[in-house]
Amino acid sequence: MSIIPPYLQKGDTVAIVATARKISLEELQPAIDIINAWGLKSSFK
């Protein structure tokens, strides 16, 4: 039996985690821009 989580909604926060190597905010900016355009909040860890 699979558990399906609820869909993301505007105002939800999405965490961006880079575990393989150190990454700069400049490299992540395109992804952050898309997340924000979708009405989501982004959190860089």
Protein backbone atom coordinates (compact mmCIF):
# COMPACT_ATOMS: atom_id res chain seq x y z
CA MET A 1 0.00 0.00 0.00
CA SER A 2 1.46 3.36 -1.07
CA ILE A 3 0.97 6.58 0.80
CA ILE A 4 0.61 9.53 -1.54
CA PRO A 5 1.47 12.88 0.05
CA PRO A 6 -0.70 15.92 -0.67
CA TYR A 7 0.18 18.12 -3.64
CA LEU A 8 2.24 21.24 -3.03
CA GLN A 9 0.18 24.39 -2.71
CA LYS A 10 1.07 28.06 -3.09
CA GLY A 11 2.88 29.27 0.02
CA ASP A 12 4.42 25.86 0.81
CA THR A 13 8.18 25.79 1.44
CA VAL A 14 10.50 23.65 -0.68
CA ALA A 15 13.97 22.85 0.68
CA ILE A 16 16.88 22.67 -1.73
CA VAL A 17 19.53 20.29 -0.42
CA ALA A 18 22.88 19.81 -2.17
CA THR A 19 24.56 16.79 -0.61
CA ALA A 20 27.08 15.82 -3.31
CA ARG A 21 29.21 18.95 -3.23
CA LYS A 22 29.31 22.55 -2.16
CA ILE A 23 27.09 24.69 -4.40
CA SER A 24 26.73 28.43 -4.57
CA LEU A 25 23.55 30.44 -4.39
CA GLU A 26 24.38 31.75 -7.87
CA GLU A 27 24.24 28.19 -9.28
CA LEU A 28 20.88 27.57 -7.61
CA GLN A 29 19.29 30.87 -8.63
CA PRO A 30 17.52 29.47 -11.75
CA ALA A 31 15.84 26.75 -9.64
CA ILE A 32 14.93 29.26 -6.93
CA ASP A 33 13.38 31.55 -9.55
CA ILE A 34 11.20 28.72 -10.89
CA ILE A 35 10.12 27.67 -7.39
CA ASN A 36 9.17 31.27 -6.58
CA ALA A 37 7.32 31.65 -9.91
CA TRP A 38 5.18 28.64 -8.94
CA GLY A 39 4.14 30.50 -5.78
CA LEU A 40 6.28 28.37 -3.47
CA LYS A 41 8.89 29.49 -0.96
CA SER A 42 12.44 28.18 -1.24
CA SER A 43 14.85 27.27 1.53
CA PHE A 44 18.51 26.66 0.73
CA LYS A 45 20.29 24.25 3.11
